[in-house]
Amino acid sequence: MKKFNAKSPLGIFLIAIIPLVIILTYSGIRLDLTKEKRYTLSDNTIKVLESVKKPLTVDVYLEGDFPASFKQLQSETKFMLEEFRKINPKIDFKFIDPIKTKMSQDTLMAMGMQPSILPDVKDGKISQITLFPYAVIKHGNDGVSIPLVVQQAGIDADQQLTRSIEGLEYNLISNIKNIAAAKRKKIGILVNHDELNPDEFQGFVQLAMENYDAGPIIPKNQTELSLEDVPLLKQMSALVIAKPRKAFTDNEKVILDQYIMNGGKTLWMIDAVNAEMDTLTRSKKVMPFPVDINMTDFFFNYGLRINPALVKDVKKFALLRLVTGEVSGNPQYTSLPWPYYPLGIAENNNPVTKNINPVKFEFPTSIDTLGGRKNIKTKVLFESSERTLLKQVPNYVDLKEIASVDSLGQMEKPSTPKIFAVALEGKFNSAYASRIERKSYPGFKTSSPENKMIVIADGDVGRNKVIKGKPLPLGVDLLTNEQFGNEQFLRNALDYLLDDSNLMELRNRNIEERLLDRQRITEEKSTWQWINLLLPLAIIGLTGGLFFWLRKKKFG
């Protein structure tokens, strides 16, 4: 028998490779050779995982018989959770088949999960599969259900899967961070300037309370913000001002200025024009007028100006459902284009707006970015299309404009795309640094640390509909049966403002689609099945014949 030669090329190869394979197998080290580094956790994710001090469990309801696309999502989720567990053994997970464990749909829906019903085509037969693609994170006595599939209109199943995988790391780690936090951040909702009433703002409050503690900020003197309210404001990580219709006093502006200079984040939803759809529906015609909340100089300090002119977008708009006739005493409804309800469609890779449904604005105005503000970065979140018109106010808005969406009315003129929402970040300077008002505030600061602010030129973007006294979920339009992205947009806005771990950047992760040609698979299915069946037999036969011929030649 021939002896093994360690100095031969084969021997050197085996001696070098076999120990390396054993080390990699038992050490758990993995090499990520993908172009987009899809299997490499970010440094910020690792920091969050290392901060988890108590046992945390993730129950994933992606087990059972379902389409191959969900098998891929299952595989990606399992891999990521395995990586989480390697970083911190206190994090554990398990996959659950709700059908096999006989969990009722009512129980799953009570846990915050909504079913996904998918068609399953096999051998020409179509059936339905009900799935609950969710993960439930449990930490102590707290728990939260998170969807693993992106809910976005206008994309096909393959795009939906790809975007779900792109957002998987952010989706899991952001919720782990929130549920494992020792102390939840507080959000204050300003209540003193004729803002949205509680029923109209319930949807926003509910989404805010999923990850934060949210509550009203009511001035102690019942009139205006004063120095008495400063201790409470300092406890708030963010302040929300939703559709104020009463002017801010100069004293209040100083207090808000100093709240920002002390690191407070702000989310502004501002109406510069008073125009209500309820009034228009009743009277068929309404005259909007400017609303002055005495904040022009305040926003000018940050390089912004909110213009008191309505934006009409004749390309990207929502539908308005109206009674257009009657048959046998029954009203007939028709959904018609309404340019005063423009849609915010994400056209950039900003993490606040990426992969969400179009956001519905109602009678918005526009924001001018003036620029030239040192240390402030201004990022446009949403803007109108290139087919935009401006209606100066006061001026009539008439329902008849539906019939001629592209026409120019009185005092209207063609315009360039207009900005609906912006995000500001950087070190802000006080608007009162060189003014006498600074003496009225103890411990006055002239500049802020790194800070963030979002300004939206529409007070109704955060308003939910109320039907028969019952608030609807934010972004739901029952009349047109549409789900807009307002809820996800404002949730992302809060997460962006309060993201001290820079996790929002994970939402910008892009995964290149490398999809098989489904049509070619269908056409060539039988051919490749026969090849896979016969080719191995042919190789075995040829190898056996060659071996027999060589043996006969040598010993024959």
Protein backbone atom coordinates (compact mmCIF):
# COMPACT_ATOMS: atom_id res chain seq x y z
CA MET A 1 0.00 0.00 0.00
CA LYS A 2 1.33 3.41 -0.98
CA LYS A 3 2.25 5.64 1.98
CA PHE A 4 0.77 9.10 2.45
CA ASN A 5 3.31 11.75 1.46
CA ALA A 6 2.84 14.93 3.53
CA LYS A 7 5.21 16.83 1.23
CA SER A 8 3.17 16.16 -1.88
CA PRO A 9 0.81 18.90 -3.21
CA LEU A 10 -2.19 16.87 -2.02
CA GLY A 11 -0.67 16.40 1.42
CA ILE A 12 0.16 20.08 1.82
CA PHE A 13 -3.37 20.99 0.73
CA LEU A 14 -5.02 18.61 3.20
CA ILE A 15 -2.76 19.65 6.10
CA ALA A 16 -3.57 23.33 5.47
CA ILE A 17 -7.29 23.05 4.76
CA ILE A 18 -8.58 20.42 7.19
CA PRO A 19 -7.52 22.27 10.41
CA LEU A 20 -8.93 25.53 8.97
CA VAL A 21 -12.27 23.86 8.26
CA ILE A 22 -12.39 22.40 11.78
CA ILE A 23 -11.54 25.77 13.37
CA LEU A 24 -14.17 27.65 11.36
CA THR A 25 -16.78 24.96 12.06
CA TYR A 26 -16.42 24.94 15.83
CA SER A 27 -15.50 28.59 16.38
CA GLY A 28 -18.65 29.89 14.68
CA ILE A 29 -16.62 32.32 12.57
CA ARG A 30 -18.37 33.19 9.30
CA LEU A 31 -17.04 35.08 6.32
CA ASP A 32 -19.47 37.53 4.71
CA LEU A 33 -18.54 37.63 1.03
CA THR A 34 -21.71 39.40 -0.15
CA LYS A 35 -21.28 42.74 -1.90
CA GLU A 36 -23.73 44.57 0.42
CA LYS A 37 -22.48 42.80 3.61
CA ARG A 38 -25.99 41.54 4.29
CA TYR A 39 -24.76 39.03 6.90
CA THR A 40 -22.66 41.48 8.91
CA LEU A 41 -24.23 43.20 11.92
CA SER A 42 -23.60 46.93 12.29
CA ASP A 43 -21.53 48.25 15.18
CA ASN A 44 -24.59 50.04 16.59
CA THR A 45 -26.57 46.80 16.56
CA ILE A 46 -23.81 45.05 18.48
CA LYS A 47 -23.78 47.81 21.11
CA VAL A 48 -27.53 47.46 21.62
CA LEU A 49 -27.25 43.68 21.93
CA GLU A 50 -24.47 43.96 24.48
CA SER A 51 -26.60 46.35 26.55
CA VAL A 52 -29.33 43.72 27.15
CA LYS A 53 -28.86 42.62 30.77
CA LYS A 54 -31.89 40.38 31.34
CA PRO A 55 -33.09 37.31 29.40
CA LEU A 56 -34.95 38.25 26.22
CA THR A 57 -36.92 35.83 24.03
CA VAL A 58 -38.06 36.21 20.44
CA ASP A 59 -40.96 34.00 19.30
CA VAL A 60 -41.10 33.88 15.51
CA TYR A 61 -44.35 32.68 13.93
CA LEU A 62 -42.71 31.54 10.69
CA GLU A 63 -42.83 27.77 10.89
CA GLY A 64 -44.88 25.36 8.85
CA ASP A 65 -45.88 24.77 5.23
CA PHE A 66 -45.77 28.00 3.25
CA PRO A 67 -44.38 29.36 -0.06
CA ALA A 68 -40.67 29.35 -0.82
CA SER A 69 -40.45 33.14 -0.59
CA PHE A 70 -41.43 32.97 3.08
CA LYS A 71 -38.95 30.14 3.56
CA GLN A 72 -36.27 32.62 2.52
CA LEU A 73 -37.58 35.18 5.02
CA GLN A 74 -37.61 32.44 7.66
CA SER A 75 -34.00 31.54 6.85
CA GLU A 76 -32.85 35.19 6.98
CA THR A 77 -34.65 35.75 10.29
CA LYS A 78 -33.18 32.60 11.82
CA PHE A 79 -29.66 33.52 10.71
CA MET A 80 -29.96 37.01 12.17
CA LEU A 81 -31.29 35.79 15.50
CA GLU A 82 -28.44 33.26 15.67
CA GLU A 83 -26.02 36.15 15.22
CA PHE A 84 -27.82 38.07 17.97
CA ARG A 85 -27.46 35.09 20.31
CA LYS A 86 -23.75 34.81 19.57
CA ILE A 87 -23.26 38.42 20.62
CA ASN A 88 -25.38 38.06 23.77
CA PRO A 89 -26.39 34.57 25.07
CA LYS A 90 -29.20 36.21 27.09
CA ILE A 91 -31.08 36.58 23.80
CA ASP A 92 -32.87 33.40 22.75
CA PHE A 93 -35.44 32.58 20.10
CA LYS A 94 -37.78 29.88 18.88
CA PHE A 95 -39.88 29.34 15.77
CA ILE A 96 -43.54 28.48 16.27
CA ASP A 97 -46.06 26.93 13.88
CA PRO A 98 -49.40 28.45 14.97
CA ILE A 99 -51.33 25.86 12.94
CA LYS A 100 -49.54 22.86 14.45
CA THR A 101 -49.83 24.26 17.98
CA LYS A 102 -53.54 24.97 17.31
CA MET A 103 -53.39 28.63 18.24
CA SER A 104 -56.64 30.36 17.33
CA GLN A 105 -56.65 33.39 15.04
CA ASP A 106 -58.46 35.36 17.73
CA THR A 107 -55.58 34.74 20.13
CA LEU A 108 -53.00 35.78 17.56
CA MET A 109 -54.94 38.89 16.59
CA ALA A 110 -55.32 39.80 20.27
CA MET A 111 -51.50 39.77 20.39
CA GLY A 112 -51.46 42.43 17.67
CA MET A 113 -50.95 40.15 14.66
CA GLN A 114 -52.91 40.46 11.44
CA PRO A 115 -53.18 37.42 9.14
CA SER A 116 -51.65 37.33 5.67
CA ILE A 117 -53.68 35.26 3.21
CA LEU A 118 -51.64 34.07 0.23
CA PRO A 119 -52.56 32.10 -2.88
CA ASP A 120 -50.73 28.79 -3.29
CA VAL A 121 -50.58 27.37 -6.81
CA LYS A 122 -49.55 23.74 -7.18
CA ASP A 123 -50.12 21.63 -10.29
CA GLY A 124 -52.75 24.05 -11.57
CA LYS A 125 -54.71 24.05 -8.32
CA ILE A 126 -55.13 27.26 -6.31
CA SER A 127 -55.53 27.20 -2.54
CA GLN A 128 -55.13 29.71 0.25
CA ILE A 129 -52.54 29.76 3.00
CA THR A 130 -53.02 31.84 6.14
CA LEU A 131 -49.82 33.09 7.73
CA PHE A 132 -48.93 35.29 10.68
CA PRO A 133 -45.46 36.59 9.73
CA TYR A 134 -44.71 38.24 13.06
CA ALA A 135 -42.13 38.08 15.81
CA VAL A 136 -43.03 38.58 19.47
CA ILE A 137 -40.26 39.99 21.66
CA LYS A 138 -40.59 39.20 25.38
CA HIS A 139 -38.53 40.87 28.08
CA GLY A 140 -39.62 40.41 31.68
CA ASN A 141 -43.31 41.26 31.87
CA ASP A 142 -43.23 43.27 28.64
CA GLY A 143 -43.90 42.06 25.13
CA VAL A 144 -44.34 43.53 21.66
CA SER A 145 -45.46 42.07 18.31
CA ILE A 146 -43.60 43.27 15.24
CA PRO A 147 -44.47 42.50 11.59
CA LEU A 148 -41.71 40.86 9.57
CA VAL A 149 -43.25 41.76 6.20
CA VAL A 150 -43.23 45.31 4.86
CA GLN A 151 -46.76 46.57 4.17
CA GLN A 152 -46.38 48.79 1.14
CA ALA A 153 -48.81 49.30 -1.71
CA GLY A 154 -47.80 49.22 -5.36
CA ILE A 155 -45.01 46.62 -5.14
CA ASP A 156 -45.01 42.98 -6.17
CA ALA A 157 -44.35 39.99 -3.90
CA ASP A 158 -40.65 39.76 -4.78
CA GLN A 159 -40.05 43.45 -3.99
CA GLN A 160 -42.02 43.07 -0.78
CA LEU A 161 -39.82 40.17 0.30
CA THR A 162 -36.62 42.01 -0.60
CA ARG A 163 -37.64 45.12 1.32
CA SER A 164 -38.71 43.01 4.29
CA ILE A 165 -35.25 41.42 4.40
CA GLU A 166 -33.58 44.84 3.99
CA GLY A 167 -35.44 46.14 7.03
CA LEU A 168 -35.12 43.00 9.13
CA GLU A 169 -32.12 44.07 11.22
CA TYR A 170 -33.60 47.49 12.00
CA ASN A 171 -37.02 46.02 12.70
CA LEU A 172 -35.67 43.55 15.25
CA ILE A 173 -32.94 45.59 16.91
CA SER A 174 -34.96 48.81 17.30
CA ASN A 175 -37.71 46.91 19.10
CA ILE A 176 -35.19 45.02 21.24
CA LYS A 177 -33.63 48.36 22.20
CA ASN A 178 -37.00 49.87 23.15
CA ILE A 179 -38.30 46.92 25.15
CA ALA A 180 -35.02 46.32 26.98
CA ALA A 181 -34.47 49.98 27.87
CA ALA A 182 -34.34 50.56 31.60
CA LYS A 183 -36.26 53.81 31.21
CA ARG A 184 -38.57 54.86 28.38
CA LYS A 185 -38.14 58.28 26.85
CA LYS A 186 -40.91 60.83 27.33
CA ILE A 187 -42.77 62.73 24.64
CA GLY A 188 -44.74 65.86 25.47
CA ILE A 189 -47.76 66.91 23.40
CA LEU A 190 -48.38 70.64 23.66
CA VAL A 191 -51.99 71.47 24.57
CA ASN A 192 -52.73 75.18 24.70
CA HIS A 193 -53.06 76.56 21.18
CA ASP A 194 -56.27 75.04 19.84
CA GLU A 195 -54.39 71.96 18.63
CA LEU A 196 -56.07 68.77 17.42
CA ASN A 197 -58.58 67.43 19.94
CA PRO A 198 -57.92 64.09 21.73
CA ASP A 199 -60.19 61.99 19.44
CA GLU A 200 -58.51 63.35 16.32
CA PHE A 201 -55.05 62.73 17.75
CA GLN A 202 -55.66 59.35 19.37
CA GLY A 203 -53.97 57.40 16.57
CA PHE A 204 -50.74 59.36 16.98
CA VAL A 205 -50.79 59.04 20.76
CA GLN A 206 -51.23 55.27 20.49
CA LEU A 207 -48.31 54.84 18.12
CA ALA A 208 -46.14 57.08 20.30
CA MET A 209 -46.95 55.04 23.41
CA GLU A 210 -45.80 51.81 21.75
CA ASN A 211 -42.17 52.73 22.45
CA TYR A 212 -42.32 55.92 24.54
CA ASP A 213 -44.23 57.54 27.37
CA ALA A 214 -46.45 60.25 25.88
CA GLY A 215 -48.61 62.80 27.65
CA PRO A 216 -49.97 66.35 27.37
CA ILE A 217 -48.08 69.51 28.32
CA ILE A 218 -50.66 71.90 29.74
CA PRO A 219 -49.41 75.30 30.99
CA LYS A 220 -49.76 75.58 34.74
CA ASN A 221 -51.22 79.05 34.50
CA GLN A 222 -53.79 77.77 31.93
CA THR A 223 -52.82 80.65 29.63
CA GLU A 224 -49.36 80.26 28.17
CA LEU A 225 -46.08 78.44 28.69
CA SER A 226 -44.06 80.06 31.45
CA LEU A 227 -40.99 79.41 33.57
CA GLU A 228 -43.19 77.25 35.82
CA ASP A 229 -43.46 74.73 32.98
CA VAL A 230 -39.71 74.50 32.34
CA PRO A 231 -39.03 71.66 34.86
CA LEU A 232 -41.68 69.52 33.14
CA LEU A 233 -40.38 70.37 29.68
CA LYS A 234 -36.86 69.33 30.70
CA GLN A 235 -38.18 65.83 31.39
CA MET A 236 -39.38 65.50 27.79
CA SER A 237 -37.02 64.07 25.20
CA ALA A 238 -39.27 65.38 22.42
CA LEU A 239 -42.10 67.88 22.08
CA VAL A 240 -44.94 67.52 19.55
CA ILE A 241 -46.87 70.58 18.34
CA ALA A 242 -49.83 69.43 16.20
CA LYS A 243 -51.86 72.00 14.27
CA PRO A 244 -51.76 75.03 16.59
CA ARG A 245 -54.31 77.67 15.61
CA LYS A 246 -53.66 80.21 18.35
CA ALA A 247 -50.64 82.50 18.15
CA PHE A 248 -47.62 81.84 20.36
CA THR A 249 -46.59 84.68 22.64
CA ASP A 250 -43.05 86.03 22.66
CA ASN A 251 -42.49 84.54 26.12
CA GLU A 252 -43.54 81.11 24.88
CA LYS A 253 -41.18 81.37 21.92
CA VAL A 254 -38.26 82.04 24.26
CA ILE A 255 -39.18 78.96 26.33
CA LEU A 256 -39.45 76.80 23.20
CA ASP A 257 -36.16 78.23 21.93
CA GLN A 258 -34.41 77.28 25.17
CA TYR A 259 -36.03 73.85 25.20
CA ILE A 260 -34.34 73.25 21.84
CA MET A 261 -31.06 74.80 23.00
CA ASN A 262 -31.03 72.31 25.89
CA GLY A 263 -31.24 69.36 23.50
CA GLY A 264 -35.02 68.92 23.21
CA LYS A 265 -36.25 67.43 19.93
CA THR A 266 -39.34 68.92 18.23
CA LEU A 267 -41.92 67.66 15.76
CA TRP A 268 -43.97 70.45 14.18
CA MET A 269 -47.20 69.93 12.21
CA ILE A 270 -48.19 73.43 11.11
CA ASP A 271 -51.17 74.77 9.16
CA ALA A 272 -50.39 78.16 7.63
CA VAL A 273 -53.84 78.25 6.01
CA ASN A 274 -57.23 77.48 7.51
CA ALA A 275 -59.12 75.15 5.14
CA GLU A 276 -61.42 72.39 6.39
CA MET A 277 -62.92 69.68 4.20
CA ASP A 278 -66.03 69.33 6.38
CA THR A 279 -67.01 72.91 5.64
CA LEU A 280 -66.28 72.50 1.93
CA THR A 281 -68.40 69.33 1.69
CA ARG A 282 -71.38 71.05 3.27
CA SER A 283 -71.23 74.34 1.38
CA LYS A 284 -69.49 73.16 -1.85
CA LYS A 285 -67.33 76.27 -1.63
CA VAL A 286 -65.06 77.70 1.03
CA MET A 287 -62.64 80.60 1.34
CA PRO A 288 -59.39 79.58 3.11
CA PHE A 289 -57.48 82.30 4.92
CA PRO A 290 -53.97 82.58 6.37
CA VAL A 291 -53.32 81.49 9.95
CA ASP A 292 -50.69 83.53 11.77
CA ILE A 293 -49.28 81.71 14.80
CA ASN A 294 -46.49 84.29 15.24
CA MET A 295 -43.71 81.79 14.43
CA THR A 296 -42.32 83.22 11.19
CA ASP A 297 -39.16 84.65 12.81
CA PHE A 298 -38.77 81.48 14.91
CA PHE A 299 -38.54 79.17 11.89
CA PHE A 300 -36.57 81.75 9.90
CA ASN A 301 -33.82 81.29 12.47
CA TYR A 302 -33.51 77.65 11.33
CA GLY A 303 -33.55 78.54 7.64
CA LEU A 304 -37.23 77.76 7.01
CA ARG A 305 -40.25 79.72 5.87
CA ILE A 306 -43.78 78.27 5.79
CA ASN A 307 -45.75 79.94 3.00
CA PRO A 308 -49.48 80.76 3.37
CA ALA A 309 -50.51 79.42 -0.05
CA LEU A 310 -52.27 76.12 -0.76
CA VAL A 311 -50.44 73.53 -2.85
CA LYS A 312 -52.34 71.81 -5.64
CA ASP A 313 -50.60 68.75 -7.07
CA VAL A 314 -52.25 67.67 -10.32
CA LYS A 315 -50.09 64.55 -10.69
CA LYS A 316 -49.73 62.93 -7.25
CA PHE A 317 -53.00 63.21 -5.35
CA ALA A 318 -55.45 61.22 -3.24
CA LEU A 319 -59.04 60.50 -4.20
CA LEU A 320 -62.08 62.16 -2.69
CA ARG A 321 -65.30 60.13 -2.47
CA LEU A 322 -68.42 62.19 -3.16
CA VAL A 323 -72.10 61.67 -3.86
CA THR A 324 -72.45 62.15 -7.62
CA GLY A 325 -75.95 60.82 -8.24
CA GLU A 326 -78.92 58.89 -6.96
CA VAL A 327 -80.64 55.66 -8.05
CA SER A 328 -84.03 54.77 -6.58
CA GLY A 329 -83.39 57.02 -3.62
CA ASN A 330 -79.92 55.52 -2.95
CA PRO A 331 -76.92 57.86 -3.20
CA GLN A 332 -74.25 56.90 -5.73
CA TYR A 333 -70.64 57.53 -4.72
CA THR A 334 -67.67 58.17 -7.00
CA SER A 335 -63.97 58.52 -6.13
CA LEU A 336 -62.58 61.59 -7.86
CA PRO A 337 -59.10 63.20 -7.96
CA TRP A 338 -58.65 65.98 -5.42
CA PRO A 339 -55.45 68.01 -5.99
CA TYR A 340 -55.64 69.65 -2.56
CA TYR A 341 -54.87 66.21 -1.06
CA PRO A 342 -51.38 65.66 -2.52
CA LEU A 343 -49.50 62.46 -1.77
CA GLY A 344 -46.03 62.31 -0.28
CA ILE A 345 -44.17 59.58 -2.16
CA ALA A 346 -40.62 58.80 -1.06
CA GLU A 347 -38.21 59.48 -3.90
CA ASN A 348 -34.97 59.34 -1.94
CA ASN A 349 -33.29 56.99 0.51
CA ASN A 350 -34.07 58.94 3.64
CA PRO A 351 -34.65 56.39 6.46
CA VAL A 352 -37.69 58.33 7.70
CA THR A 353 -39.62 57.87 4.46
CA LYS A 354 -38.16 54.72 2.92
CA ASN A 355 -40.45 51.73 2.21
CA ILE A 356 -43.72 53.24 3.44
CA ASN A 357 -47.06 53.80 1.74
CA PRO A 358 -47.76 57.24 0.23
CA VAL A 359 -48.47 59.85 2.91
CA LYS A 360 -51.69 61.80 2.58
CA PHE A 361 -51.55 65.56 3.10
CA GLU A 362 -54.73 67.62 3.41
CA PHE A 363 -54.64 71.22 2.23
CA PRO A 364 -50.89 71.53 2.84
CA THR A 365 -48.83 74.64 2.25
CA SER A 366 -45.14 74.63 1.37
CA ILE A 367 -41.78 75.15 3.05
CA ASP A 368 -38.96 77.28 1.66
CA THR A 369 -35.45 76.23 2.71
CA LEU A 370 -33.50 79.46 2.94
CA GLY A 371 -30.07 77.90 3.46
CA GLY A 372 -27.02 79.62 4.82
CA ARG A 373 -27.51 78.37 8.39
CA LYS A 374 -24.18 77.31 9.80
CA ASN A 375 -23.93 73.78 11.25
CA ILE A 376 -27.49 72.83 10.14
CA LYS A 377 -28.19 70.09 7.59
CA THR A 378 -31.59 70.32 5.90
CA LYS A 379 -33.04 67.14 4.39
CA VAL A 380 -36.21 67.16 2.30
CA LEU A 381 -38.59 64.37 3.33
CA PHE A 382 -41.51 64.95 0.95
CA GLU A 383 -42.23 67.32 -1.91
CA SER A 384 -44.87 67.72 -4.61
CA SER A 385 -44.53 66.68 -8.25
CA GLU A 386 -43.31 68.93 -11.08
CA ARG A 387 -46.97 69.58 -11.99
CA THR A 388 -47.80 71.81 -9.05
CA LEU A 389 -50.01 74.86 -8.75
CA LEU A 390 -50.22 77.40 -5.94
CA LYS A 391 -53.46 78.97 -4.76
CA GLN A 392 -52.88 82.22 -2.95
CA VAL A 393 -55.27 82.97 -0.09
CA PRO A 394 -57.73 84.34 0.70
CA ASN A 395 -59.33 82.75 -2.35
CA TYR A 396 -62.21 80.38 -3.01
CA VAL A 397 -61.75 76.60 -3.11
CA ASP A 398 -64.62 74.99 -4.98
CA LEU A 399 -65.56 71.33 -5.34
CA LYS A 400 -66.06 72.06 -9.04
CA GLU A 401 -62.28 72.14 -9.37
CA ILE A 402 -62.45 68.35 -9.43
CA ALA A 403 -63.92 68.53 -12.94
CA SER A 404 -60.92 70.49 -14.26
CA VAL A 405 -57.93 69.37 -12.25
CA ASP A 406 -55.39 70.83 -14.69
CA SER A 407 -57.03 74.22 -15.09
CA LEU A 408 -55.74 77.45 -13.59
CA GLY A 409 -58.08 79.30 -11.29
CA GLN A 410 -58.12 82.89 -10.17
CA MET A 411 -54.81 83.99 -8.64
CA GLU A 412 -53.16 80.63 -9.46
CA LYS A 413 -49.88 80.22 -11.28
CA PRO A 414 -47.71 77.26 -12.33
CA SER A 415 -44.91 76.50 -9.92
CA THR A 416 -41.96 74.21 -9.31
CA PRO A 417 -42.18 71.26 -6.86
CA LYS A 418 -42.93 72.41 -3.32
CA ILE A 419 -41.61 70.95 -0.08
CA PHE A 420 -44.09 69.48 2.41
CA ALA A 421 -41.74 68.22 5.14
CA VAL A 422 -38.10 68.65 6.14
CA ALA A 423 -35.72 67.27 8.76
CA LEU A 424 -33.08 69.49 10.35
CA GLU A 425 -30.05 68.25 12.24
CA GLY A 426 -26.96 69.85 13.66
CA LYS A 427 -26.06 72.44 16.27
CA PHE A 428 -28.78 75.07 16.43
CA ASN A 429 -28.20 78.69 17.42
CA SER A 430 -30.68 80.56 19.58
CA ALA A 431 -32.85 83.17 17.88
CA TYR A 432 -32.58 85.30 21.03
CA ALA A 433 -28.81 85.18 21.53
CA SER A 434 -28.48 88.93 20.87
CA ARG A 435 -31.91 90.05 22.06
CA ILE A 436 -33.02 91.41 25.38
CA GLU A 437 -35.45 88.49 25.93
CA ARG A 438 -32.49 86.32 26.92
CA LYS A 439 -32.42 88.05 30.31
CA SER A 440 -35.85 86.65 31.16
CA TYR A 441 -34.63 83.05 31.08
CA PRO A 442 -32.29 81.81 33.87
CA GLY A 443 -29.29 79.89 32.55
CA PHE A 444 -29.86 81.06 28.98
CA LYS A 445 -27.99 79.05 26.32
CA THR A 446 -26.94 80.53 22.97
CA SER A 447 -26.48 77.21 21.12
CA SER A 448 -27.55 73.60 21.36
CA PRO A 449 -25.69 70.30 21.31
CA GLU A 450 -26.27 68.04 18.29
CA ASN A 451 -30.02 68.23 17.82
CA LYS A 452 -32.85 67.32 15.43
CA MET A 453 -36.14 68.81 14.32
CA ILE A 454 -38.85 67.86 11.83
CA VAL A 455 -41.21 70.46 10.35
CA ILE A 456 -44.31 69.48 8.34
CA ALA A 457 -46.38 72.10 6.51
CA ASP A 458 -49.66 70.33 7.25
CA GLY A 459 -51.42 70.11 10.60
CA ASP A 460 -53.68 67.26 9.44
CA VAL A 461 -50.93 64.78 8.61
CA GLY A 462 -51.26 63.41 12.16
CA ARG A 463 -55.04 63.62 12.39
CA ASN A 464 -57.10 60.42 12.31
CA LYS A 465 -60.69 60.32 11.09
CA VAL A 466 -63.53 60.02 13.58
CA ILE A 467 -66.65 58.11 12.47
CA LYS A 468 -69.73 58.19 14.71
CA GLY A 469 -67.63 59.28 17.64
CA LYS A 470 -65.07 56.48 17.21
CA PRO A 471 -61.51 57.30 16.13
CA LEU A 472 -60.15 55.33 13.17
CA PRO A 473 -56.52 54.19 12.87
CA LEU A 474 -54.22 56.89 11.58
CA GLY A 475 -53.96 56.93 7.79
CA VAL A 476 -57.12 54.88 7.15
CA ASP A 477 -59.71 56.25 4.69
CA LEU A 478 -62.85 54.13 4.93
CA LEU A 479 -64.61 55.92 2.08
CA THR A 480 -61.95 55.09 -0.52
CA ASN A 481 -60.77 51.94 1.30
CA GLU A 482 -57.14 53.06 1.29
CA GLN A 483 -54.36 52.78 3.85
CA PHE A 484 -51.94 55.68 3.67
CA GLY A 485 -48.49 55.79 5.23
CA ASN A 486 -49.13 58.59 7.76
CA GLU A 487 -48.80 56.30 10.76
CA GLN A 488 -45.51 54.76 9.68
CA PHE A 489 -44.15 58.16 8.63
CA LEU A 490 -44.81 59.71 12.05
CA ARG A 491 -43.53 56.60 13.85
CA ASN A 492 -40.31 56.83 11.85
CA ALA A 493 -40.17 60.58 12.56
CA LEU A 494 -40.25 59.97 16.32
CA ASP A 495 -37.67 57.18 16.05
CA TYR A 496 -35.44 59.47 14.00
CA LEU A 497 -35.68 62.30 16.52
CA LEU A 498 -35.05 60.04 19.53
CA ASP A 499 -32.51 57.70 17.94
CA ASP A 500 -29.40 58.12 20.05
CA SER A 501 -27.88 54.86 18.76
CA ASN A 502 -27.98 55.84 15.07
CA LEU A 503 -30.05 52.74 14.25
CA MET A 504 -32.15 54.59 11.67
CA GLU A 505 -29.31 54.27 9.18
CA LEU A 506 -30.09 50.54 9.02
CA ARG A 507 -33.27 51.44 7.14
CA ASN A 508 -31.05 52.56 4.26
CA ARG A 509 -29.66 49.07 3.75
CA ASN A 510 -30.08 47.89 0.15
CA ILE A 511 -30.03 44.27 -0.96
CA GLU A 512 -29.57 43.56 -4.65
CA GLU A 513 -32.31 41.35 -6.05
CA ARG A 514 -30.95 38.16 -7.61
CA LEU A 515 -34.19 36.50 -8.66
CA LEU A 516 -34.79 33.46 -10.83
CA ASP A 517 -36.76 33.79 -14.05
CA ARG A 518 -40.11 32.31 -13.00
CA GLN A 519 -41.43 32.07 -16.56
CA ARG A 520 -38.36 30.14 -17.69
CA ILE A 521 -38.67 27.85 -14.65
CA THR A 522 -42.24 27.00 -15.64
CA GLU A 523 -41.32 26.40 -19.28
CA GLU A 524 -38.21 24.28 -18.61
CA LYS A 525 -39.36 22.50 -15.45
CA SER A 526 -39.76 19.04 -17.03
CA THR A 527 -36.46 19.29 -18.92
CA TRP A 528 -34.43 20.01 -15.82
CA GLN A 529 -36.25 17.33 -13.84
CA TRP A 530 -35.20 14.72 -16.39
CA ILE A 531 -31.65 16.08 -16.46
CA ASN A 532 -31.42 15.89 -12.66
CA LEU A 533 -32.76 12.33 -12.76
CA LEU A 534 -30.71 10.88 -15.62
CA LEU A 535 -27.42 12.82 -15.42
CA PRO A 536 -26.26 11.28 -12.09
CA LEU A 537 -27.08 7.79 -13.41
CA ALA A 538 -25.14 8.49 -16.60
CA ILE A 539 -22.11 9.75 -14.63
CA ILE A 540 -22.18 6.67 -12.38
CA GLY A 541 -22.48 4.40 -15.44
CA LEU A 542 -19.61 6.07 -17.28
CA THR A 543 -17.41 6.05 -14.19
CA GLY A 544 -18.13 2.37 -13.59
CA GLY A 545 -17.46 1.51 -17.25
CA LEU A 546 -14.19 3.44 -17.22
CA PHE A 547 -13.10 1.73 -13.99
CA PHE A 548 -13.96 -1.71 -15.45
CA TRP A 549 -12.05 -0.93 -18.70
CA LEU A 550 -8.94 0.23 -16.82
CA ARG A 551 -9.02 -2.81 -14.56
CA LYS A 552 -9.39 -5.16 -17.53
CA LYS A 553 -6.58 -3.43 -19.39
CA LYS A 554 -4.23 -3.67 -16.40
CA PHE A 555 -4.97 -7.19 -15.28
CA GLY A 556 -6.41 -8.74 -18.44
